[in-house]
């Protein structure tokens, strides 16, 4: 039986932890694998203190110390138990990578020939989630480095580039619940209302908030009801005259239920070095739900969205451009339906969960 040890931020809420690691660990045959999950913070702690950024300095220091000792204990346990594979999601600690932690990973490789898989899906150097020395250390010691796209691959030194594997972030939960009946039900309601959906964390609401007034104007121009469904751990609270805003507190189940009634998935961004490194997961998630998509013409979004499934826009704040995109997706029930069918096909061809699972399990067993 192979032992796999996973270092993640948390077990349920962080998208990188769940969709890049945990959903695949949950799917592995427990008769073949023993899996140890080492979250930095527990579910109760996540609910109590996240995001840490707006907490007092004393709370931040308390939790940083707590996480340090929790992760050190996990590393020592892995050395004692002997594990075949270690999977690190983004980083083990925020910002710092103590020498004692580095020595633990080195010892695992020396003692048990432990395979180290490092996965990251964002510009973690720009966000300062990891130090440059920590980044370089993981580049050197890892056997495989899994990233979502070429922009992130370019961060790896040429010396270690042969370790890099491209694997897009995808969703293994939604596609199982979206059938032809769901799509037909959406098509039926399209004549009455356009349900737009955005799913994301509180930290990314800043990309959506400027779009709300534009959508309000578009609803007036179209003389049609638009509902903006926001599934997040945060809220958008704006006064609108024509559109309805529905804030839904994020849970995996509630996200799926809202996707079932949506007509178009949105992913607005601004063009920065950081956003060019994003994995376009929202768009992939919408495709898995058979939804037409509208996304900013930025970074990896360009690889996901084309005219067969939706529309890329250069500026979500440009009322004419966004109106054109919405019209493109909803000009008729038939055209919307075809985009919806194409969305599922594109997901199956390029972002299939089962394909990702096969690739990851192959790497674990090599």
Protein backbone atom coordinates (compact mmCIF):
# COMPACT_ATOMS: atom_id res chain seq x y z
CA UNK A 1 0.00 0.00 0.00
CA UNK A 2 1.44 3.35 -1.08
CA UNK A 3 1.52 6.21 1.40
CA UNK A 4 0.75 9.71 0.13
CA UNK A 5 1.17 12.81 2.29
CA UNK A 6 -0.48 16.06 1.16
CA UNK A 7 0.34 19.56 2.42
CA UNK A 8 -2.58 21.89 1.70
CA UNK A 9 -4.01 25.15 3.04
CA UNK A 10 -7.27 23.55 4.20
CA UNK A 11 -9.51 20.61 3.33
CA UNK A 12 -12.67 22.26 2.02
CA UNK A 13 -12.54 25.95 1.21
CA UNK A 14 -9.33 26.85 -0.59
CA UNK A 15 -9.81 26.19 -4.34
CA UNK A 16 -6.16 25.25 -4.94
CA UNK A 17 -6.20 22.73 -2.10
CA UNK A 18 -9.44 21.06 -3.10
CA UNK A 19 -9.47 21.21 -6.89
CA UNK A 20 -5.74 20.64 -7.41
CA UNK A 21 -5.18 17.94 -4.77
CA UNK A 22 -7.96 16.78 -2.47
CA UNK A 23 -10.62 15.91 -5.06
CA UNK A 24 -8.15 13.48 -6.63
CA UNK A 25 -7.08 11.99 -3.29
CA UNK A 26 -10.75 11.37 -2.49
CA UNK A 27 -11.08 9.39 -5.71
CA UNK A 28 -8.08 7.10 -5.20
CA UNK A 29 -8.70 3.48 -4.20
CA UNK A 30 -8.24 3.35 -0.42
CA UNK A 31 -7.25 -0.31 -0.71
CA UNK A 32 -4.16 0.78 -2.65
CA UNK A 33 -3.31 4.06 -0.96
CA UNK A 34 -3.03 5.47 2.55
CA UNK A 35 -3.50 9.22 2.36
CA UNK A 36 -2.41 11.72 5.00
CA UNK A 37 -3.82 15.24 4.71
CA UNK A 38 -1.94 18.03 6.46
CA UNK A 39 -4.01 21.25 6.26
CA UNK A 40 -2.43 24.42 7.58
CA UNK A 41 -5.71 25.33 9.26
CA UNK A 42 -8.73 23.30 10.33
CA UNK A 43 -12.26 23.86 9.03
CA UNK A 44 -13.33 25.56 12.26
CA UNK A 45 -10.28 27.83 12.21
CA UNK A 46 -10.99 28.75 8.59
CA UNK A 47 -14.53 29.79 9.45
CA UNK A 48 -13.35 31.81 12.44
CA UNK A 49 -10.37 33.75 11.09
CA UNK A 50 -10.19 33.76 7.31
CA UNK A 51 -9.20 35.95 5.67
CA UNK A 52 -6.29 36.57 8.03
CA UNK A 53 -5.37 39.75 6.13
CA UNK A 54 -8.02 41.81 7.93
CA UNK A 55 -7.27 40.47 11.40
CA UNK A 56 -5.13 42.12 14.05
CA UNK A 57 -1.37 41.62 14.09
CA UNK A 58 -1.73 39.55 17.27
CA UNK A 59 -4.19 37.13 15.63
CA UNK A 60 -1.93 36.84 12.58
CA UNK A 61 1.15 36.07 14.68
CA UNK A 62 -0.77 33.55 16.80
CA UNK A 63 -1.93 31.60 13.77
CA UNK A 64 1.39 31.80 11.95
CA UNK A 65 3.08 30.26 15.01
CA UNK A 66 0.34 27.66 15.32
CA UNK A 67 0.65 26.70 11.65
CA UNK A 68 4.44 26.53 11.93
CA UNK A 69 4.34 23.95 14.72
CA UNK A 70 1.48 22.04 13.07
CA UNK A 71 3.42 21.68 9.83
CA UNK A 72 6.68 20.82 11.61
CA UNK A 73 4.86 18.05 13.46
CA UNK A 74 3.45 16.75 10.16
CA UNK A 75 6.88 16.70 8.50
CA UNK A 76 8.42 14.82 11.43
CA UNK A 77 5.54 12.31 11.35
CA UNK A 78 6.14 11.71 7.65
CA UNK A 79 9.81 11.03 8.31
CA UNK A 80 8.91 8.57 11.07
CA UNK A 81 6.16 6.78 9.13
CA UNK A 82 7.97 6.76 5.80
CA UNK A 83 5.88 7.98 2.88
CA UNK A 84 6.16 7.16 -0.80
CA UNK A 85 4.90 10.48 -2.13
CA UNK A 86 4.63 14.01 -0.78
CA UNK A 87 2.33 16.47 -2.58
CA UNK A 88 2.81 20.15 -1.76
CA UNK A 89 0.06 22.56 -2.77
CA UNK A 90 1.70 25.94 -3.44
CA UNK A 91 3.78 26.09 -0.22
CA UNK A 92 4.03 24.54 3.25
CA UNK A 93 4.18 27.83 5.16
CA UNK A 94 3.22 31.34 4.17
CA UNK A 95 6.15 33.40 2.87
CA UNK A 96 8.92 31.59 4.74
CA UNK A 97 10.61 28.22 4.20
CA UNK A 98 12.68 27.43 7.31
CA UNK A 99 15.88 25.43 6.94
CA UNK A 100 14.46 22.86 9.37
CA UNK A 101 11.58 22.21 6.93
CA UNK A 102 13.99 21.90 4.02
CA UNK A 103 16.05 19.38 5.99
CA UNK A 104 12.91 17.31 6.66
CA UNK A 105 12.14 17.01 2.95
CA UNK A 106 15.76 16.15 2.16
CA UNK A 107 15.72 13.49 4.88
CA UNK A 108 12.55 11.93 3.45
CA UNK A 109 14.20 11.58 0.06
CA UNK A 110 17.36 10.12 1.59
CA UNK A 111 15.58 7.74 3.99
CA UNK A 112 12.67 6.47 1.90
CA UNK A 113 13.37 7.81 -1.60
CA UNK A 114 10.17 9.83 -1.21
CA UNK A 115 8.83 11.31 -4.42
CA UNK A 116 8.00 15.02 -4.09
CA UNK A 117 5.28 16.56 -6.26
CA UNK A 118 4.92 20.35 -6.07
CA UNK A 119 1.76 21.91 -7.49
CA UNK A 120 1.00 25.60 -7.90
CA UNK A 121 -1.65 27.40 -9.93
CA UNK A 122 -0.94 31.11 -9.40
CA UNK A 123 1.86 33.65 -9.49
CA UNK A 124 2.86 32.76 -5.93
CA UNK A 125 6.06 34.80 -6.11
CA UNK A 126 4.10 37.96 -6.92
CA UNK A 127 1.69 37.33 -4.04
CA UNK A 128 4.71 36.60 -1.81
CA UNK A 129 3.17 33.36 -0.61
CA UNK A 130 6.62 31.86 -0.93
CA UNK A 131 10.10 33.33 -0.81
CA UNK A 132 12.39 33.17 -3.82
CA UNK A 133 14.75 30.88 -1.90
CA UNK A 134 11.83 28.60 -0.99
CA UNK A 135 10.67 28.61 -4.62
CA UNK A 136 14.15 27.70 -5.83
CA UNK A 137 14.47 24.96 -3.20
CA UNK A 138 11.19 23.31 -4.21
CA UNK A 139 12.19 23.60 -7.88
CA UNK A 140 15.38 21.73 -7.08
CA UNK A 141 14.10 19.03 -4.71
CA UNK A 142 10.79 18.20 -6.42
CA UNK A 143 10.57 15.24 -8.78
CA UNK A 144 7.56 16.73 -10.55
CA UNK A 145 6.35 20.31 -10.74
CA UNK A 146 2.71 20.59 -11.82
CA UNK A 147 1.41 23.94 -13.09
CA UNK A 148 -1.66 25.01 -15.02
CA UNK A 149 -0.18 26.85 -17.99
CA UNK A 150 2.89 28.11 -19.84
CA UNK A 151 3.01 31.44 -18.00
CA UNK A 152 3.68 29.63 -14.72
CA UNK A 153 6.01 27.14 -16.36
CA UNK A 154 8.21 30.05 -17.41
CA UNK A 155 8.88 30.81 -13.72
CA UNK A 156 10.86 27.58 -13.40
CA UNK A 157 14.58 27.71 -14.10
CA UNK A 158 15.69 26.01 -17.33
CA UNK A 159 17.74 23.67 -15.15
CA UNK A 160 14.52 22.09 -13.84
CA UNK A 161 12.14 22.67 -16.74
CA UNK A 162 12.06 18.96 -17.62
CA UNK A 163 10.26 18.33 -14.31
CA UNK A 164 7.30 20.50 -15.28
CA UNK A 165 3.94 19.03 -16.24
CA UNK A 166 1.00 21.12 -17.44
CA UNK A 167 -2.30 20.10 -15.85
CA UNK A 168 -5.31 22.46 -15.93
CA UNK A 169 -7.47 22.97 -12.87
CA UNK A 170 -10.84 21.32 -13.31
CA UNK A 171 -13.94 20.32 -11.37
CA UNK A 172 -14.86 16.68 -10.76
CA UNK A 173 -18.16 17.36 -9.00
CA UNK A 174 -20.34 19.47 -11.26
CA UNK A 175 -20.38 17.56 -14.55
CA UNK A 176 -22.03 14.53 -12.95
CA UNK A 177 -25.11 16.59 -12.05
CA UNK A 178 -25.66 18.53 -15.27
CA UNK A 179 -27.74 16.48 -17.68
CA UNK A 180 -30.00 17.25 -20.64
CA UNK A 181 -32.92 18.01 -18.33
CA UNK A 182 -30.93 20.78 -16.62
CA UNK A 183 -29.95 22.29 -19.96
CA UNK A 184 -33.54 22.16 -21.23
CA UNK A 185 -34.80 23.81 -18.06
CA UNK A 186 -32.30 26.65 -18.49
CA UNK A 187 -33.36 27.12 -22.10
CA UNK A 188 -36.99 27.39 -21.05
CA UNK A 189 -36.27 30.19 -18.53
CA UNK A 190 -34.02 32.18 -20.89
CA UNK A 191 -36.97 34.01 -22.44
CA UNK A 192 -37.92 35.39 -19.03
CA UNK A 193 -34.59 36.24 -17.42
CA UNK A 194 -30.84 36.05 -18.09
CA UNK A 195 -29.16 34.46 -15.09
CA UNK A 196 -25.50 35.41 -14.97
CA UNK A 197 -23.23 33.65 -12.48
CA UNK A 198 -19.88 34.40 -10.87
CA UNK A 199 -18.23 31.98 -8.44
CA UNK A 200 -15.13 32.97 -6.52
CA UNK A 201 -13.44 33.96 -3.30
CA UNK A 202 -13.92 37.24 -1.49
CA UNK A 203 -10.48 38.41 -2.61
CA UNK A 204 -11.50 38.25 -6.27
CA UNK A 205 -14.77 40.19 -5.91
CA UNK A 206 -12.81 43.31 -6.84
CA UNK A 207 -12.88 42.12 -10.45
CA UNK A 208 -16.68 41.76 -10.45
CA UNK A 209 -17.78 44.83 -8.50
CA UNK A 210 -17.07 47.41 -11.28
CA UNK A 211 -19.13 45.29 -13.69
CA UNK A 212 -22.39 45.55 -11.72
CA UNK A 213 -23.29 49.13 -12.81
CA UNK A 214 -22.56 48.19 -16.42
CA UNK A 215 -24.90 45.20 -16.19
CA UNK A 216 -27.56 47.48 -14.73
CA UNK A 217 -27.35 49.68 -17.81
CA UNK A 218 -27.41 46.65 -20.10
CA UNK A 219 -30.57 45.34 -18.43
CA UNK A 220 -32.24 48.67 -19.16
CA UNK A 221 -31.07 48.67 -22.79
CA UNK A 222 -32.26 45.10 -23.36
CA UNK A 223 -35.50 45.76 -21.50
CA UNK A 224 -35.00 42.34 -20.00
CA UNK A 225 -34.50 41.11 -16.47
CA UNK A 226 -30.93 40.18 -15.57
CA UNK A 227 -30.09 38.36 -12.38
CA UNK A 228 -26.50 38.41 -11.15
CA UNK A 229 -25.83 35.31 -9.03
CA UNK A 230 -22.72 35.65 -6.86
CA UNK A 231 -21.52 32.53 -5.03
CA UNK A 232 -18.75 33.55 -2.67
CA UNK A 233 -17.53 33.82 0.89
CA UNK A 234 -18.00 37.57 0.42
CA UNK A 235 -20.84 39.78 -0.82
CA UNK A 236 -21.43 42.50 -3.38
CA UNK A 237 -23.69 45.17 -1.91
CA UNK A 238 -24.60 47.78 -4.50
CA UNK A 239 -27.79 49.67 -5.24
CA UNK A 240 -29.11 48.70 -8.65
CA UNK A 241 -32.18 49.85 -10.54
CA UNK A 242 -32.72 47.07 -13.05
CA UNK A 243 -30.72 43.96 -12.20
CA UNK A 244 -31.23 41.68 -9.25
CA UNK A 245 -28.15 40.71 -7.22
CA UNK A 246 -28.31 37.37 -5.46
CA UNK A 247 -25.48 36.79 -2.94
CA UNK A 248 -25.16 33.10 -2.10
CA UNK A 249 -22.72 32.06 0.62
CA UNK A 250 -20.31 29.61 -0.94
CA UNK A 251 -20.56 25.92 -0.34
CA UNK A 252 -19.80 23.24 -2.90
CA UNK A 253 -23.44 22.11 -2.93
CA UNK A 254 -24.87 25.62 -3.25
CA UNK A 255 -22.47 26.42 -6.10
CA UNK A 256 -23.74 23.40 -8.02
CA UNK A 257 -27.38 24.28 -7.41
CA UNK A 258 -26.87 27.84 -8.65
CA UNK A 259 -25.00 26.63 -11.74
CA UNK A 260 -28.03 24.51 -12.59
CA UNK A 261 -30.18 27.64 -13.09
CA UNK A 262 -27.54 29.90 -14.67
CA UNK A 263 -27.33 30.83 -18.36
CA UNK A 264 -23.87 32.42 -18.66
CA UNK A 265 -20.72 32.23 -16.52
CA UNK A 266 -18.64 35.40 -16.10
CA UNK A 267 -14.93 35.84 -15.41
CA UNK A 268 -13.87 39.50 -15.49
CA UNK A 269 -10.20 40.33 -14.87
CA UNK A 270 -7.83 43.22 -15.33
CA UNK A 271 -4.65 42.60 -17.29
CA UNK A 272 -1.69 42.37 -14.90
CA UNK A 273 1.31 40.11 -14.48
CA UNK A 274 -0.58 38.34 -11.71
CA UNK A 275 -3.81 37.74 -13.67
CA UNK A 276 -1.84 36.50 -16.67
CA UNK A 277 -0.74 33.64 -14.40
CA UNK A 278 -4.26 32.66 -13.35
CA UNK A 279 -5.60 29.28 -14.41
CA UNK A 280 -9.01 30.37 -15.73
CA UNK A 281 -10.68 27.95 -13.33
CA UNK A 282 -13.99 29.82 -13.24
CA UNK A 283 -14.35 29.42 -17.00
CA UNK A 284 -13.41 25.73 -16.83
CA UNK A 285 -15.93 25.23 -14.03
CA UNK A 286 -18.65 26.88 -16.10
CA UNK A 287 -17.79 24.71 -19.10
CA UNK A 288 -18.11 21.59 -16.94
CA UNK A 289 -21.64 22.78 -16.15
CA UNK A 290 -22.46 23.20 -19.87
CA UNK A 291 -22.57 26.98 -19.57
CA UNK A 292 -21.65 29.51 -22.25
CA UNK A 293 -18.94 31.83 -20.95
CA UNK A 294 -17.85 35.46 -21.11
CA UNK A 295 -14.32 36.13 -19.91
CA UNK A 296 -11.70 38.85 -20.02
CA UNK A 297 -9.23 38.60 -22.88
CA UNK A 298 -6.38 37.95 -20.44
CA UNK A 299 -3.83 35.19 -19.95
CA UNK A 300 -5.04 31.60 -19.98
CA UNK A 301 -8.64 32.72 -20.59
CA UNK A 302 -7.59 33.01 -24.24
CA UNK A 303 -6.88 29.27 -24.34
CA UNK A 304 -10.23 28.40 -22.80
CA UNK A 305 -12.77 30.65 -24.49
CA UNK A 306 -13.52 30.94 -28.20
CA UNK A 307 -16.61 31.69 -30.25
CA UNK A 308 -17.80 28.09 -30.04
CA UNK A 309 -18.50 28.45 -26.31
CA UNK A 310 -18.82 32.18 -25.66
CA UNK A 311 -17.02 35.47 -25.98
CA UNK A 312 -13.83 37.14 -24.80
CA UNK A 313 -14.06 40.85 -24.00
CA UNK A 314 -11.25 43.36 -23.67
CA UNK A 315 -13.05 45.58 -21.19
CA UNK A 316 -15.96 44.48 -19.00
CA UNK A 317 -16.61 48.14 -18.18
CA UNK A 318 -17.35 48.93 -21.83
CA UNK A 319 -21.12 48.72 -22.01
CA UNK A 320 -21.21 48.17 -25.77
CA UNK A 321 -18.63 45.38 -25.70
CA UNK A 322 -20.28 43.54 -22.82
CA UNK A 323 -23.73 44.03 -24.35
CA UNK A 324 -22.46 42.52 -27.60
CA UNK A 325 -21.08 39.52 -25.69
CA UNK A 326 -24.35 38.92 -23.83
CA UNK A 327 -26.31 39.26 -27.07
CA UNK A 328 -23.96 36.80 -28.74
CA UNK A 329 -24.73 34.21 -26.06
CA UNK A 330 -28.48 34.83 -25.80
CA UNK A 331 -29.65 36.09 -29.21
CA UNK A 332 -31.92 33.06 -29.46
CA UNK A 333 -32.70 29.93 -27.50
CA UNK A 334 -31.19 27.86 -30.29
CA UNK A 335 -27.87 29.73 -30.33
CA UNK A 336 -27.64 29.65 -26.52
CA UNK A 337 -28.38 25.91 -26.59
CA UNK A 338 -25.64 25.23 -29.14
CA UNK A 339 -23.09 27.17 -27.08
CA UNK A 340 -24.16 25.13 -24.06
CA UNK A 341 -23.65 21.82 -25.88
CA UNK A 342 -20.28 23.03 -27.17
CA UNK A 343 -19.23 24.03 -23.66
CA UNK A 344 -19.57 20.47 -22.34
CA UNK A 345 -17.76 19.08 -25.36
CA UNK A 346 -14.87 21.52 -24.91
CA UNK A 347 -14.61 20.56 -21.26
CA UNK A 348 -14.51 16.86 -22.09
CA UNK A 349 -11.90 17.40 -24.82
CA UNK A 350 -9.58 19.69 -22.86
CA UNK A 351 -10.34 19.72 -19.13
CA UNK A 352 -11.78 16.31 -18.34
CA UNK A 353 -11.52 15.43 -14.64
CA UNK A 354 -11.04 11.72 -15.28
CA UNK A 355 -8.10 12.45 -17.57
CA UNK A 356 -6.45 14.60 -14.87
CA UNK A 357 -7.01 11.84 -12.31
CA UNK A 358 -5.37 9.24 -14.57
CA UNK A 359 -2.34 11.48 -15.14
CA UNK A 360 -1.87 12.23 -11.45
CA UNK A 361 -2.23 8.60 -10.41
CA UNK A 362 0.30 7.59 -13.06
CA UNK A 363 2.82 10.08 -11.68
CA UNK A 364 2.25 8.83 -8.13
CA UNK A 365 2.97 5.26 -9.21
CA UNK A 366 5.99 5.94 -11.42
